Amino acid sequence: LLLKLYDENGKEIKSDDDAATMNDPRIIWKSPKSGPIFLKVTSLTHQGGNNQVYRLIHSIKQPTCELTTSASEFALKPGESLEIKVGIERRHGHTRTLIIQPANLPAGISCTPVIADKNRKEITLNLHATPSSSQFQGLLSIIGKEQDDWNKTFLAGKATVTTKVNNGVPSGYLDQVYRKIHHLWLTIQAKTQAKEPEEN
């Protein structure tokens, strides 16, 4: 399947035969001016026909941001620290400063929020557990909020769709039932009991 975009003079503006994480073509384009635009749906291998039906979806994209972690499960020991790297992918012209931090951390666990301006591609959160922190297993939420609009939030998670890693498919998985794991998991391990000195 092939999509082609033309201006009012018949000049081709953009085309796509598939997208990186989809089985169908997708065109993302910003119009520099008003005026008629034409879209042509065709077959790259010239095997289309009247018996083939296509569904065209059009939407106006809003500035957004994608936050990703390299793992979905994290473990921390009392008295120690844990670094969690969060990747930042801005889409459709998003440039606002973000404040990224974990939410609803268990007692004894702290983390300083990190401010990410429009040029940051990755940040590192540093979770610290006090020596007296209790054993814990539960969900971990990492949230990014726009500094100027706290109603705009983005939930971090581990991506399940990839074209960069061979996960049993040569070019990676193009689609999954869940494209992202938002329910991250945090384990605070039990405190190590000090050994009593042996009697001679």
C-alpha atoms as a PDB file:
ATOM      1  CA  LEU A   1       0.000   0.000   0.000  1.00  0.00           C
ATOM      2  CA  LEU A   2       1.317   3.457  -0.910  1.00  0.00           C
ATOM      3  CA  LEU A   3       0.152   6.929   0.113  1.00  0.00           C
ATOM      4  CA  LYS A   4       1.068  10.027  -1.882  1.00  0.00           C
ATOM      5  CA  LEU A   5       0.338  13.642  -1.018  1.00  0.00           C
ATOM      6  CA  TYR A   6       0.015  16.274  -3.775  1.00  0.00           C
ATOM      7  CA  ASP A   7      -0.468  20.034  -3.824  1.00  0.00           C
ATOM      8  CA  GLU A   8      -3.034  21.847  -5.957  1.00  0.00           C
ATOM      9  CA  ASN A   9      -0.602  21.904  -8.916  1.00  0.00           C
ATOM     10  CA  GLY A  10      -0.123  18.132  -8.895  1.00  0.00           C
ATOM     11  CA  LYS A  11       3.358  18.273  -7.374  1.00  0.00           C
ATOM     12  CA  GLU A  12       4.149  15.386  -5.046  1.00  0.00           C
ATOM     13  CA  ILE A  13       4.776  16.643  -1.503  1.00  0.00           C
ATOM     14  CA  LYS A  14       5.333  13.446   0.434  1.00  0.00           C
ATOM     15  CA  SER A  15       4.804   9.690   0.201  1.00  0.00           C
ATOM     16  CA  ASP A  16       5.014   6.629   2.452  1.00  0.00           C
ATOM     17  CA  ASP A  17       4.639   2.895   1.879  1.00  0.00           C
ATOM     18  CA  ASP A  18       4.645   1.947   5.541  1.00  0.00           C
ATOM     19  CA  ALA A  19       5.502   3.379   8.956  1.00  0.00           C
ATOM     20  CA  ALA A  20       8.195   2.331  11.430  1.00  0.00           C
ATOM     21  CA  THR A  21       5.814   0.778  13.958  1.00  0.00           C
ATOM     22  CA  MET A  22       2.774   0.067  11.780  1.00  0.00           C
ATOM     23  CA  ASN A  23       1.833  -2.293   8.956  1.00  0.00           C
ATOM     24  CA  ASP A  24       0.028   0.517   7.141  1.00  0.00           C
ATOM     25  CA  PRO A  25       1.445   3.688   5.584  1.00  0.00           C
ATOM     26  CA  ARG A  26       1.303   6.932   7.527  1.00  0.00           C
ATOM     27  CA  ILE A  27       2.080  10.507   6.555  1.00  0.00           C
ATOM     28  CA  ILE A  28       2.713  13.210   9.141  1.00  0.00           C
ATOM     29  CA  TRP A  29       2.871  16.599   7.473  1.00  0.00           C
ATOM     30  CA  LYS A  30       2.563  20.252   8.456  1.00  0.00           C
ATOM     31  CA  SER A  31       0.970  22.498   5.854  1.00  0.00           C
ATOM     32  CA  PRO A  32       2.863  25.770   5.287  1.00  0.00           C
ATOM     33  CA  LYS A  33      -0.244  27.476   3.888  1.00  0.00           C
ATOM     34  CA  SER A  34      -3.961  27.013   3.324  1.00  0.00           C
ATOM     35  CA  GLY A  35      -5.222  25.483   0.109  1.00  0.00           C
ATOM     36  CA  PRO A  36      -6.398  22.203  -1.392  1.00  0.00           C
ATOM     37  CA  ILE A  37      -4.308  19.077  -0.818  1.00  0.00           C
ATOM     38  CA  PHE A  38      -4.835  15.752  -2.597  1.00  0.00           C
ATOM     39  CA  LEU A  39      -4.117  12.285  -1.252  1.00  0.00           C
ATOM     40  CA  LYS A  40      -3.684   9.251  -3.491  1.00  0.00           C
ATOM     41  CA  VAL A  41      -4.046   5.689  -2.193  1.00  0.00           C
ATOM     42  CA  THR A  42      -2.395   3.104  -4.422  1.00  0.00           C
ATOM     43  CA  SER A  43      -0.466  -0.163  -4.406  1.00  0.00           C
ATOM     44  CA  LEU A  44       3.329  -0.127  -4.414  1.00  0.00           C
ATOM     45  CA  THR A  45       3.343  -3.420  -6.328  1.00  0.00           C
ATOM     46  CA  HIS A  46       0.485  -2.341  -8.650  1.00  0.00           C
ATOM     47  CA  GLN A  47      -1.785  -5.116  -7.409  1.00  0.00           C
ATOM     48  CA  GLY A  48      -4.702  -3.039  -6.167  1.00  0.00           C
ATOM     49  CA  GLY A  49      -8.205  -3.472  -7.506  1.00  0.00           C
ATOM     50  CA  ASN A  50     -11.890  -2.692  -7.144  1.00  0.00           C
ATOM     51  CA  ASN A  51     -12.246  -5.581  -4.703  1.00  0.00           C
ATOM     52  CA  GLN A  52      -9.885  -3.951  -2.202  1.00  0.00           C
ATOM     53  CA  VAL A  53     -11.284  -1.472   0.302  1.00  0.00           C
ATOM     54  CA  TYR A  54      -9.179   0.972   2.301  1.00  0.00           C
ATOM     55  CA  ARG A  55      -9.998   3.059   5.350  1.00  0.00           C
ATOM     56  CA  LEU A  56      -8.399   6.489   5.522  1.00  0.00           C
ATOM     57  CA  ILE A  57      -7.961   8.126   8.939  1.00  0.00           C
ATOM     58  CA  HIS A  58      -7.237  11.849   9.197  1.00  0.00           C
ATOM     59  CA  SER A  59      -6.448  13.672  12.421  1.00  0.00           C
ATOM     60  CA  ILE A  60      -4.922  16.956  13.548  1.00  0.00           C
ATOM     61  CA  LYS A  61      -1.926  16.181  15.723  1.00  0.00           C
ATOM     62  CA  GLN A  62      -1.360  18.098  18.955  1.00  0.00           C
ATOM     63  CA  PRO A  63       2.062  18.625  20.577  1.00  0.00           C
ATOM     64  CA  THR A  64       2.800  15.641  22.790  1.00  0.00           C
ATOM     65  CA  CYS A  65       5.627  13.801  24.479  1.00  0.00           C
ATOM     66  CA  GLU A  66       6.586  10.141  24.909  1.00  0.00           C
ATOM     67  CA  LEU A  67       8.497   9.046  28.035  1.00  0.00           C
ATOM     68  CA  THR A  68      10.140   5.619  28.014  1.00  0.00           C
ATOM     69  CA  THR A  69      12.135   3.489  30.435  1.00  0.00           C
ATOM     70  CA  SER A  70      14.524   0.684  29.498  1.00  0.00           C
ATOM     71  CA  ALA A  71      12.947  -1.728  31.994  1.00  0.00           C
ATOM     72  CA  SER A  72       9.576  -2.335  33.632  1.00  0.00           C
ATOM     73  CA  GLU A  73      10.835  -3.763  36.947  1.00  0.00           C
ATOM     74  CA  PHE A  74      13.197  -2.148  39.436  1.00  0.00           C
ATOM     75  CA  ALA A  75      14.703  -3.305  42.755  1.00  0.00           C
ATOM     76  CA  LEU A  76      16.219  -1.262  45.562  1.00  0.00           C
ATOM     77  CA  LYS A  77      17.899  -2.166  48.853  1.00  0.00           C
ATOM     78  CA  PRO A  78      17.556  -0.162  52.110  1.00  0.00           C
ATOM     79  CA  GLY A  79      20.317   2.423  52.411  1.00  0.00           C
ATOM     80  CA  GLU A  80      21.095   2.354  48.682  1.00  0.00           C
ATOM     81  CA  SER A  81      20.199   4.367  45.583  1.00  0.00           C
ATOM     82  CA  LEU A  82      18.795   3.421  42.186  1.00  0.00           C
ATOM     83  CA  GLU A  83      19.159   5.289  38.902  1.00  0.00           C
ATOM     84  CA  ILE A  84      16.295   5.138  36.405  1.00  0.00           C
ATOM     85  CA  LYS A  85      16.906   6.626  32.974  1.00  0.00           C
ATOM     86  CA  VAL A  86      13.882   8.105  31.214  1.00  0.00           C
ATOM     87  CA  GLY A  87      14.001   8.774  27.471  1.00  0.00           C
ATOM     88  CA  ILE A  88      12.154  11.808  26.112  1.00  0.00           C
ATOM     89  CA  GLU A  89      10.697  11.859  22.599  1.00  0.00           C
ATOM     90  CA  ARG A  90       8.863  15.040  21.668  1.00  0.00           C
ATOM     91  CA  ARG A  91       6.341  14.903  18.851  1.00  0.00           C
ATOM     92  CA  HIS A  92       4.411  17.354  16.707  1.00  0.00           C
ATOM     93  CA  GLY A  93       6.255  20.468  17.843  1.00  0.00           C
ATOM     94  CA  HIS A  94       6.261  19.896  21.597  1.00  0.00           C
ATOM     95  CA  THR A  95       8.803  22.272  23.201  1.00  0.00           C
ATOM     96  CA  ARG A  96       7.559  22.892  26.734  1.00  0.00           C
ATOM     97  CA  THR A  97       9.738  22.275  29.779  1.00  0.00           C
ATOM     98  CA  LEU A  98       8.873  19.074  31.670  1.00  0.00           C
ATOM     99  CA  ILE A  99       9.126  18.191  35.341  1.00  0.00           C
ATOM    100  CA  ILE A 100       9.644  14.428  35.656  1.00  0.00           C
ATOM    101  CA  GLN A 101       9.302  12.533  38.925  1.00  0.00           C
ATOM    102  CA  PRO A 102       7.898   9.326  40.466  1.00  0.00           C
ATOM    103  CA  ALA A 103       4.468   9.539  42.087  1.00  0.00           C
ATOM    104  CA  ASN A 104       3.230   7.998  45.348  1.00  0.00           C
ATOM    105  CA  LEU A 105       6.536   6.527  46.476  1.00  0.00           C
ATOM    106  CA  PRO A 106       6.406   4.240  49.537  1.00  0.00           C
ATOM    107  CA  ALA A 107       7.610   5.465  52.935  1.00  0.00           C
ATOM    108  CA  GLY A 108      11.365   5.794  53.196  1.00  0.00           C
ATOM    109  CA  ILE A 109      11.884   6.265  49.432  1.00  0.00           C
ATOM    110  CA  SER A 110      12.686   9.701  48.030  1.00  0.00           C
ATOM    111  CA  CYS A 111      13.479  11.161  44.613  1.00  0.00           C
ATOM    112  CA  THR A 112      14.234  14.729  43.530  1.00  0.00           C
ATOM    113  CA  PRO A 113      12.211  15.874  40.481  1.00  0.00           C
ATOM    114  CA  VAL A 114      14.218  16.504  37.310  1.00  0.00           C
ATOM    115  CA  ILE A 115      13.559  19.464  35.016  1.00  0.00           C
ATOM    116  CA  ALA A 116      13.936  18.753  31.294  1.00  0.00           C
ATOM    117  CA  ASP A 117      14.026  21.598  28.793  1.00  0.00           C
ATOM    118  CA  LYS A 118      13.170  21.200  25.109  1.00  0.00           C
ATOM    119  CA  ASN A 119      16.685  20.011  24.230  1.00  0.00           C
ATOM    120  CA  ARG A 120      16.867  17.122  26.708  1.00  0.00           C
ATOM    121  CA  LYS A 121      16.561  13.657  25.171  1.00  0.00           C
ATOM    122  CA  GLU A 122      17.059  11.733  28.416  1.00  0.00           C
ATOM    123  CA  ILE A 123      17.054  12.337  32.161  1.00  0.00           C
ATOM    124  CA  THR A 124      18.080  10.241  35.153  1.00  0.00           C
ATOM    125  CA  LEU A 125      15.945   9.868  38.274  1.00  0.00           C
ATOM    126  CA  ASN A 126      17.765   8.917  41.471  1.00  0.00           C
ATOM    127  CA  LEU A 127      15.650   6.963  43.947  1.00  0.00           C
ATOM    128  CA  HIS A 128      17.091   6.678  47.453  1.00  0.00           C
ATOM    129  CA  ALA A 129      15.982   4.300  50.201  1.00  0.00           C
ATOM    130  CA  THR A 130      16.697   5.126  53.823  1.00  0.00           C
ATOM    131  CA  PRO A 131      18.396   2.402  55.896  1.00  0.00           C
ATOM    132  CA  SER A 132      15.141   1.961  57.815  1.00  0.00           C
ATOM    133  CA  SER A 133      12.876   1.633  54.760  1.00  0.00           C
ATOM    134  CA  SER A 134      10.497  -1.311  54.904  1.00  0.00           C
ATOM    135  CA  GLN A 135      10.097  -4.165  52.462  1.00  0.00           C
ATOM    136  CA  PHE A 136       7.750  -3.238  49.606  1.00  0.00           C
ATOM    137  CA  GLN A 137       6.391  -4.552  46.327  1.00  0.00           C
ATOM    138  CA  GLY A 138       4.054  -2.473  44.223  1.00  0.00           C
ATOM    139  CA  LEU A 139       3.408  -0.253  41.234  1.00  0.00           C
ATOM    140  CA  LEU A 140       5.757   2.572  40.329  1.00  0.00           C
ATOM    141  CA  SER A 141       4.433   5.539  38.352  1.00  0.00           C
ATOM    142  CA  ILE A 142       6.816   7.964  36.659  1.00  0.00           C
ATOM    143  CA  ILE A 143       5.074  11.102  35.451  1.00  0.00           C
ATOM    144  CA  GLY A 144       6.154  14.080  33.386  1.00  0.00           C
ATOM    145  CA  LYS A 145       4.217  17.330  33.720  1.00  0.00           C
ATOM    146  CA  GLU A 146       4.494  20.489  31.683  1.00  0.00           C
ATOM    147  CA  GLN A 147       5.997  23.204  33.849  1.00  0.00           C
ATOM    148  CA  ASP A 148       3.504  25.799  32.598  1.00  0.00           C
ATOM    149  CA  ASP A 149       0.464  23.532  32.593  1.00  0.00           C
ATOM    150  CA  TRP A 150       0.266  20.851  35.293  1.00  0.00           C
ATOM    151  CA  ASN A 151      -2.869  19.442  33.667  1.00  0.00           C
ATOM    152  CA  LYS A 152      -0.697  18.167  30.790  1.00  0.00           C
ATOM    153  CA  THR A 153       0.816  14.919  32.051  1.00  0.00           C
ATOM    154  CA  PHE A 154       2.718  12.098  30.365  1.00  0.00           C
ATOM    155  CA  LEU A 155       3.109   8.642  31.902  1.00  0.00           C
ATOM    156  CA  ALA A 156       6.430   6.881  31.394  1.00  0.00           C
ATOM    157  CA  GLY A 157       6.636   3.201  30.509  1.00  0.00           C
ATOM    158  CA  LYS A 158       8.625   0.508  28.750  1.00  0.00           C
ATOM    159  CA  ALA A 159       7.932   0.230  25.020  1.00  0.00           C
ATOM    160  CA  THR A 160       7.033  -3.229  23.710  1.00  0.00           C
ATOM    161  CA  VAL A 161       7.145  -2.232  20.037  1.00  0.00           C
ATOM    162  CA  THR A 162      10.585  -1.883  18.489  1.00  0.00           C
ATOM    163  CA  THR A 163      12.305  -2.026  15.127  1.00  0.00           C
ATOM    164  CA  LYS A 164      15.789  -1.719  16.637  1.00  0.00           C
ATOM    165  CA  VAL A 165      16.022  -4.954  18.609  1.00  0.00           C
ATOM    166  CA  ASN A 166      15.590  -8.498  17.285  1.00  0.00           C
ATOM    167  CA  ASN A 167      12.939  -9.952  19.583  1.00  0.00           C
ATOM    168  CA  GLY A 168      12.466 -13.134  17.557  1.00  0.00           C
ATOM    169  CA  VAL A 169      11.476 -11.165  14.485  1.00  0.00           C
ATOM    170  CA  PRO A 170      14.365  -9.976  12.242  1.00  0.00           C
ATOM    171  CA  SER A 171      13.237  -6.353  12.194  1.00  0.00           C
ATOM    172  CA  GLY A 172      11.594  -6.357  15.624  1.00  0.00           C
ATOM    173  CA  TYR A 173       7.922  -6.405  16.545  1.00  0.00           C
ATOM    174  CA  LEU A 174       5.840  -3.911  14.584  1.00  0.00           C
ATOM    175  CA  ASP A 175       2.779  -4.178  16.788  1.00  0.00           C
ATOM    176  CA  GLN A 176       1.617  -5.601  20.112  1.00  0.00           C
ATOM    177  CA  VAL A 177      -1.627  -5.832  22.044  1.00  0.00           C
ATOM    178  CA  TYR A 178       0.010  -3.457  24.519  1.00  0.00           C
ATOM    179  CA  ARG A 179       2.399  -1.052  22.832  1.00  0.00           C
ATOM    180  CA  LYS A 180       3.759   0.173  26.157  1.00  0.00           C
ATOM    181  CA  ILE A 181       3.980  -1.119  29.742  1.00  0.00           C
ATOM    182  CA  HIS A 182       2.859   1.787  31.940  1.00  0.00           C
ATOM    183  CA  HIS A 183       2.527  -0.299  35.111  1.00  0.00           C
ATOM    184  CA  LEU A 184       6.133  -0.314  36.280  1.00  0.00           C
ATOM    185  CA  TRP A 185       7.043  -2.439  39.315  1.00  0.00           C
ATOM    186  CA  LEU A 186       9.195  -1.468  42.301  1.00  0.00           C
ATOM    187  CA  THR A 187      10.621  -3.893  44.860  1.00  0.00           C
ATOM    188  CA  ILE A 188      12.220  -2.732  48.106  1.00  0.00           C
ATOM    189  CA  GLN A 189      14.149  -5.686  49.391  1.00  0.00           C
ATOM    190  CA  ALA A 190      14.126  -6.782  53.020  1.00  0.00           C
ATOM    191  CA  LYS A 191      16.713  -5.298  55.346  1.00  0.00           C
ATOM    192  CA  THR A 192      19.755  -7.484  55.846  1.00  0.00           C
ATOM    193  CA  GLN A 193      19.991  -8.728  59.400  1.00  0.00           C
ATOM    194  CA  ALA A 194      23.380  -8.212  61.001  1.00  0.00           C
ATOM    195  CA  LYS A 195      25.052 -11.439  62.024  1.00  0.00           C
ATOM    196  CA  GLU A 196      25.667 -11.912  65.710  1.00  0.00           C
ATOM    197  CA  PRO A 197      29.316 -12.502  66.608  1.00  0.00           C
ATOM    198  CA  GLU A 198      30.170 -16.121  67.218  1.00  0.00           C
ATOM    199  CA  GLU A 199      31.199 -17.140  70.716  1.00  0.00           C
ATOM    200  CA  ASN A 200      34.655 -18.646  71.115  1.00  0.00           C
END
